[in-house]
Amino acid sequence: MRTRLLLVALFVFSVSACGQGVAGQAPIPSTEKVADGGSAAVTVPPAVLDPCALLGPADRSSAGLNTLGVPKEINGARACDWTVPATFGVTITVDEKNGLANLEIARKTATKTKVGDRQALKVADKKAADGTCAVLIGMGEKASVQIDVSNTNFTDTPLACERAVTVAGLAEPKLP
């Protein structure tokens, strides 16, 4: 019982301190908006955007992800990896230095699209048919979020793209 009370007190303290920053620093700016699913989502600047927080439990369920994301770093950018064993994997990367125009992409593999109201690119090499696909979402001119999907058996590129588009649609409402 005592442990439970301590955990509840720790949770309440953590929630009440959220977003207040260190003494003497300005609080982290955020805005609240309601996503399509009716759940509140807090958006923050790219500099503090946690890629693992872009998919909540309901989002993961909708995307077929039954595992928690694992934080990692890719070329200096924050990323989060979800792997469904023997099925597929998803990586979401927050790139604070490169907007869509700055990303090095083989243009013949990229298709312009939109995710929500944002400019995006869907990238898949149909000739390679390697079961991989990415959706790259612009966040202004100097930042982007990249959703990469790889099927474990490296086949069925259309399915990988379907999954990437689904994840992009779930993550986009939480972007700044």
C-alpha atoms as a PDB file:
ATOM      1  CA  MET A   1       0.000   0.000   0.000  1.00  0.00           C
ATOM      2  CA  ARG A   2       2.828   2.357   0.906  1.00  0.00           C
ATOM      3  CA  THR A   3       4.532   1.704  -2.453  1.00  0.00           C
ATOM      4  CA  ARG A   4       1.291   2.409  -4.292  1.00  0.00           C
ATOM      5  CA  LEU A   5       0.869   5.719  -2.440  1.00  0.00           C
ATOM      6  CA  LEU A   6       4.467   6.670  -3.257  1.00  0.00           C
ATOM      7  CA  LEU A   7       3.913   5.894  -6.963  1.00  0.00           C
ATOM      8  CA  VAL A   8       0.711   7.965  -7.032  1.00  0.00           C
ATOM      9  CA  ALA A   9       2.482  10.886  -5.357  1.00  0.00           C
ATOM     10  CA  LEU A  10       5.396  10.618  -7.802  1.00  0.00           C
ATOM     11  CA  PHE A  11       2.989  10.568 -10.768  1.00  0.00           C
ATOM     12  CA  VAL A  12       1.074  13.619  -9.503  1.00  0.00           C
ATOM     13  CA  PHE A  13       4.326  15.487  -8.933  1.00  0.00           C
ATOM     14  CA  SER A  14       5.617  14.566 -12.407  1.00  0.00           C
ATOM     15  CA  VAL A  15       2.423  15.701 -14.112  1.00  0.00           C
ATOM     16  CA  SER A  16       2.225  18.948 -12.160  1.00  0.00           C
ATOM     17  CA  ALA A  17       5.825  19.845 -13.104  1.00  0.00           C
ATOM     18  CA  CYS A  18       5.385  19.014 -16.767  1.00  0.00           C
ATOM     19  CA  GLY A  19       6.386  21.835 -19.110  1.00  0.00           C
ATOM     20  CA  GLN A  20       7.583  24.152 -16.351  1.00  0.00           C
ATOM     21  CA  GLY A  21      11.245  23.865 -17.270  1.00  0.00           C
ATOM     22  CA  VAL A  22      14.194  24.538 -14.974  1.00  0.00           C
ATOM     23  CA  ALA A  23      13.995  27.430 -12.516  1.00  0.00           C
ATOM     24  CA  GLY A  24      14.916  30.631 -14.300  1.00  0.00           C
ATOM     25  CA  GLN A  25      14.087  29.242 -17.751  1.00  0.00           C
ATOM     26  CA  ALA A  26      11.012  29.962 -19.785  1.00  0.00           C
ATOM     27  CA  PRO A  27       8.501  27.109 -19.929  1.00  0.00           C
ATOM     28  CA  ILE A  28       8.465  24.958 -23.024  1.00  0.00           C
ATOM     29  CA  PRO A  29       5.902  26.451 -25.417  1.00  0.00           C
ATOM     30  CA  SER A  30       3.068  24.149 -26.330  1.00  0.00           C
ATOM     31  CA  THR A  31      -0.406  24.275 -27.715  1.00  0.00           C
ATOM     32  CA  GLU A  32      -3.208  21.801 -27.227  1.00  0.00           C
ATOM     33  CA  LYS A  33      -5.441  20.609 -30.006  1.00  0.00           C
ATOM     34  CA  VAL A  34      -7.840  17.726 -30.392  1.00  0.00           C
ATOM     35  CA  ALA A  35      -6.864  15.025 -32.854  1.00  0.00           C
ATOM     36  CA  ASP A  36      -9.407  13.216 -35.030  1.00  0.00           C
ATOM     37  CA  GLY A  37      -9.655  10.395 -32.509  1.00  0.00           C
ATOM     38  CA  GLY A  38     -10.925  12.810 -29.879  1.00  0.00           C
ATOM     39  CA  SER A  39      -7.822  12.502 -27.717  1.00  0.00           C
ATOM     40  CA  ALA A  40      -5.927  15.638 -26.733  1.00  0.00           C
ATOM     41  CA  ALA A  41      -2.490  15.938 -28.290  1.00  0.00           C
ATOM     42  CA  VAL A  42       0.169  18.391 -27.204  1.00  0.00           C
ATOM     43  CA  THR A  43       2.410  19.779 -29.912  1.00  0.00           C
ATOM     44  CA  VAL A  44       5.845  21.151 -29.171  1.00  0.00           C
ATOM     45  CA  PRO A  45       8.704  22.671 -31.158  1.00  0.00           C
ATOM     46  CA  PRO A  46      10.830  20.162 -33.139  1.00  0.00           C
ATOM     47  CA  ALA A  47      13.721  20.723 -30.716  1.00  0.00           C
ATOM     48  CA  VAL A  48      11.799  18.951 -27.948  1.00  0.00           C
ATOM     49  CA  LEU A  49       9.613  16.649 -30.043  1.00  0.00           C
ATOM     50  CA  ASP A  50       9.923  13.048 -28.851  1.00  0.00           C
ATOM     51  CA  PRO A  51       9.469  10.659 -31.793  1.00  0.00           C
ATOM     52  CA  CYS A  52       8.334   7.867 -29.457  1.00  0.00           C
ATOM     53  CA  ALA A  53       5.499  10.101 -28.193  1.00  0.00           C
ATOM     54  CA  LEU A  54       4.086  10.552 -31.709  1.00  0.00           C
ATOM     55  CA  LEU A  55       2.260   7.212 -31.433  1.00  0.00           C
ATOM     56  CA  GLY A  56       0.143   6.711 -28.345  1.00  0.00           C
ATOM     57  CA  PRO A  57      -1.378   3.336 -27.390  1.00  0.00           C
ATOM     58  CA  ALA A  58      -4.481   3.796 -29.598  1.00  0.00           C
ATOM     59  CA  ASP A  59      -2.289   4.938 -32.512  1.00  0.00           C
ATOM     60  CA  ARG A  60      -0.012   1.909 -32.155  1.00  0.00           C
ATOM     61  CA  SER A  61      -3.028  -0.360 -32.114  1.00  0.00           C
ATOM     62  CA  SER A  62      -4.423   1.286 -35.288  1.00  0.00           C
ATOM     63  CA  ALA A  63      -1.053   0.834 -36.992  1.00  0.00           C
ATOM     64  CA  GLY A  64      -0.723  -2.818 -35.989  1.00  0.00           C
ATOM     65  CA  LEU A  65       2.171  -2.130 -33.627  1.00  0.00           C
ATOM     66  CA  ASN A  66       1.977  -4.269 -30.517  1.00  0.00           C
ATOM     67  CA  THR A  67       5.326  -3.205 -29.057  1.00  0.00           C
ATOM     68  CA  LEU A  68       6.636  -0.060 -27.390  1.00  0.00           C
ATOM     69  CA  GLY A  69       8.993   2.194 -29.307  1.00  0.00           C
ATOM     70  CA  VAL A  70      12.709   2.153 -28.573  1.00  0.00           C
ATOM     71  CA  PRO A  71      14.452   5.558 -28.650  1.00  0.00           C
ATOM     72  CA  LYS A  72      17.564   5.801 -30.810  1.00  0.00           C
ATOM     73  CA  GLU A  73      19.629   8.286 -32.782  1.00  0.00           C
ATOM     74  CA  ILE A  74      20.130   8.294 -36.555  1.00  0.00           C
ATOM     75  CA  ASN A  75      22.825  10.635 -37.926  1.00  0.00           C
ATOM     76  CA  GLY A  76      22.391  12.971 -34.958  1.00  0.00           C
ATOM     77  CA  ALA A  77      18.575  13.042 -35.190  1.00  0.00           C
ATOM     78  CA  ARG A  78      16.188  11.654 -32.577  1.00  0.00           C
ATOM     79  CA  ALA A  79      14.335   8.543 -33.704  1.00  0.00           C
ATOM     80  CA  CYS A  80      12.080   5.823 -32.354  1.00  0.00           C
ATOM     81  CA  ASP A  81      11.908   2.236 -33.536  1.00  0.00           C
ATOM     82  CA  TRP A  82       8.977  -0.185 -33.294  1.00  0.00           C
ATOM     83  CA  THR A  83       9.440  -3.795 -34.387  1.00  0.00           C
ATOM     84  CA  VAL A  84       6.701  -6.375 -34.751  1.00  0.00           C
ATOM     85  CA  PRO A  85       8.708  -9.624 -34.816  1.00  0.00           C
ATOM     86  CA  ALA A  86       8.522 -11.555 -38.093  1.00  0.00           C
ATOM     87  CA  THR A  87       6.201  -8.911 -39.599  1.00  0.00           C
ATOM     88  CA  PHE A  88       7.456  -5.320 -40.013  1.00  0.00           C
ATOM     89  CA  GLY A  89       9.220  -2.414 -38.389  1.00  0.00           C
ATOM     90  CA  VAL A  90       8.582   1.335 -38.219  1.00  0.00           C
ATOM     91  CA  THR A  91      11.090   4.092 -37.507  1.00  0.00           C
ATOM     92  CA  ILE A  92      10.061   7.704 -36.948  1.00  0.00           C
ATOM     93  CA  THR A  93      12.879  10.242 -37.168  1.00  0.00           C
ATOM     94  CA  VAL A  94      12.637  13.942 -36.239  1.00  0.00           C
ATOM     95  CA  ASP A  95      15.119  15.866 -38.397  1.00  0.00           C
ATOM     96  CA  GLU A  96      15.494  19.434 -37.105  1.00  0.00           C
ATOM     97  CA  LYS A  97      18.027  20.451 -39.777  1.00  0.00           C
ATOM     98  CA  ASN A  98      16.493  19.314 -43.053  1.00  0.00           C
ATOM     99  CA  GLY A  99      13.198  20.270 -44.603  1.00  0.00           C
ATOM    100  CA  LEU A 100      11.796  18.276 -47.531  1.00  0.00           C
ATOM    101  CA  ALA A 101      13.814  20.277 -50.086  1.00  0.00           C
ATOM    102  CA  ASN A 102      17.084  19.472 -48.269  1.00  0.00           C
ATOM    103  CA  LEU A 103      16.658  15.714 -47.998  1.00  0.00           C
ATOM    104  CA  GLU A 104      18.778  13.588 -50.300  1.00  0.00           C
ATOM    105  CA  ILE A 105      16.246  11.453 -52.135  1.00  0.00           C
ATOM    106  CA  ALA A 106      16.379   9.709 -55.488  1.00  0.00           C
ATOM    107  CA  ARG A 107      13.661  11.867 -57.059  1.00  0.00           C
ATOM    108  CA  LYS A 108      12.485   9.036 -59.316  1.00  0.00           C
ATOM    109  CA  THR A 109      11.376   7.160 -56.189  1.00  0.00           C
ATOM    110  CA  ALA A 110       9.519  10.105 -54.592  1.00  0.00           C
ATOM    111  CA  THR A 111       5.898  11.103 -55.079  1.00  0.00           C
ATOM    112  CA  LYS A 112       4.558  14.429 -53.782  1.00  0.00           C
ATOM    113  CA  THR A 113       1.602  14.027 -51.459  1.00  0.00           C
ATOM    114  CA  LYS A 114      -0.008  15.612 -48.403  1.00  0.00           C
ATOM    115  CA  VAL A 115      -0.450  14.341 -44.891  1.00  0.00           C
ATOM    116  CA  GLY A 116      -3.131  16.406 -43.252  1.00  0.00           C
ATOM    117  CA  ASP A 117      -2.423  19.941 -44.502  1.00  0.00           C
ATOM    118  CA  ARG A 118       1.340  19.362 -44.716  1.00  0.00           C
ATOM    119  CA  GLN A 119       3.503  18.850 -47.762  1.00  0.00           C
ATOM    120  CA  ALA A 120       4.970  15.362 -47.828  1.00  0.00           C
ATOM    121  CA  LEU A 121       6.803  12.873 -50.010  1.00  0.00           C
ATOM    122  CA  LYS A 122       6.107   9.173 -50.308  1.00  0.00           C
ATOM    123  CA  VAL A 123       9.323   7.364 -51.197  1.00  0.00           C
ATOM    124  CA  ALA A 124       9.411   3.804 -52.518  1.00  0.00           C
ATOM    125  CA  ASP A 125      11.457   2.108 -55.213  1.00  0.00           C
ATOM    126  CA  LYS A 126       8.814   0.128 -57.076  1.00  0.00           C
ATOM    127  CA  LYS A 127      11.415  -1.526 -59.295  1.00  0.00           C
ATOM    128  CA  ALA A 128      13.355  -2.827 -56.310  1.00  0.00           C
ATOM    129  CA  ALA A 129      10.137  -4.187 -54.745  1.00  0.00           C
ATOM    130  CA  ASP A 130      12.037  -4.526 -51.474  1.00  0.00           C
ATOM    131  CA  GLY A 131       9.162  -4.109 -49.006  1.00  0.00           C
ATOM    132  CA  THR A 132      10.277  -0.673 -47.827  1.00  0.00           C
ATOM    133  CA  CYS A 133       8.531   2.685 -47.981  1.00  0.00           C
ATOM    134  CA  ALA A 134       8.879   6.075 -46.335  1.00  0.00           C
ATOM    135  CA  VAL A 135       6.639   9.079 -45.843  1.00  0.00           C
ATOM    136  CA  LEU A 136       8.520  12.310 -45.241  1.00  0.00           C
ATOM    137  CA  ILE A 137       6.476  15.132 -43.707  1.00  0.00           C
ATOM    138  CA  GLY A 138       7.615  18.743 -43.893  1.00  0.00           C
ATOM    139  CA  MET A 139       7.665  20.895 -40.759  1.00  0.00           C
ATOM    140  CA  GLY A 140       8.509  24.255 -42.263  1.00  0.00           C
ATOM    141  CA  GLU A 141      11.556  24.796 -44.433  1.00  0.00           C
ATOM    142  CA  LYS A 142      14.163  23.445 -42.026  1.00  0.00           C
ATOM    143  CA  ALA A 143      12.639  20.418 -40.341  1.00  0.00           C
ATOM    144  CA  SER A 144      10.920  17.163 -41.256  1.00  0.00           C
ATOM    145  CA  VAL A 145       9.594  13.948 -39.779  1.00  0.00           C
ATOM    146  CA  GLN A 146      10.432  10.738 -41.559  1.00  0.00           C
ATOM    147  CA  ILE A 147       8.373   7.576 -41.209  1.00  0.00           C
ATOM    148  CA  ASP A 148      10.179   4.510 -42.552  1.00  0.00           C
ATOM    149  CA  VAL A 149       8.536   1.092 -42.827  1.00  0.00           C
ATOM    150  CA  SER A 150      10.271  -2.172 -43.673  1.00  0.00           C
ATOM    151  CA  ASN A 151       8.485  -5.475 -44.055  1.00  0.00           C
ATOM    152  CA  THR A 152      10.498  -8.260 -42.432  1.00  0.00           C
ATOM    153  CA  ASN A 153      10.427 -10.453 -45.546  1.00  0.00           C
ATOM    154  CA  PHE A 154      11.471  -7.508 -47.783  1.00  0.00           C
ATOM    155  CA  THR A 155       8.518  -8.019 -50.113  1.00  0.00           C
ATOM    156  CA  ASP A 156       5.208  -6.261 -50.733  1.00  0.00           C
ATOM    157  CA  THR A 157       6.235  -2.627 -51.155  1.00  0.00           C
ATOM    158  CA  PRO A 158       2.570  -1.519 -51.536  1.00  0.00           C
ATOM    159  CA  LEU A 159       1.828  -2.934 -48.060  1.00  0.00           C
ATOM    160  CA  ALA A 160       4.873  -1.118 -46.635  1.00  0.00           C
ATOM    161  CA  CYS A 161       3.566   2.127 -48.180  1.00  0.00           C
ATOM    162  CA  GLU A 162       0.096   1.518 -46.790  1.00  0.00           C
ATOM    163  CA  ARG A 163       1.592   1.096 -43.338  1.00  0.00           C
ATOM    164  CA  ALA A 164       3.799   4.198 -43.713  1.00  0.00           C
ATOM    165  CA  VAL A 165       0.830   6.323 -44.817  1.00  0.00           C
ATOM    166  CA  THR A 166      -1.219   5.053 -41.860  1.00  0.00           C
ATOM    167  CA  VAL A 167       1.531   5.882 -39.345  1.00  0.00           C
ATOM    168  CA  ALA A 168       2.094   9.301 -40.949  1.00  0.00           C
ATOM    169  CA  GLY A 169      -1.610  10.098 -40.619  1.00  0.00           C
ATOM    170  CA  LEU A 170      -1.557   9.121 -36.946  1.00  0.00           C
ATOM    171  CA  ALA A 171       1.604  11.097 -36.114  1.00  0.00           C
ATOM    172  CA  GLU A 172       0.881  14.274 -38.131  1.00  0.00           C
ATOM    173  CA  PRO A 173      -1.723  15.812 -35.754  1.00  0.00           C
ATOM    174  CA  LYS A 174       0.922  15.845 -32.995  1.00  0.00           C
ATOM    175  CA  LEU A 175       3.506  17.765 -35.030  1.00  0.00           C
ATOM    176  CA  PRO A 176       4.171  21.455 -34.383  1.00  0.00           C
END
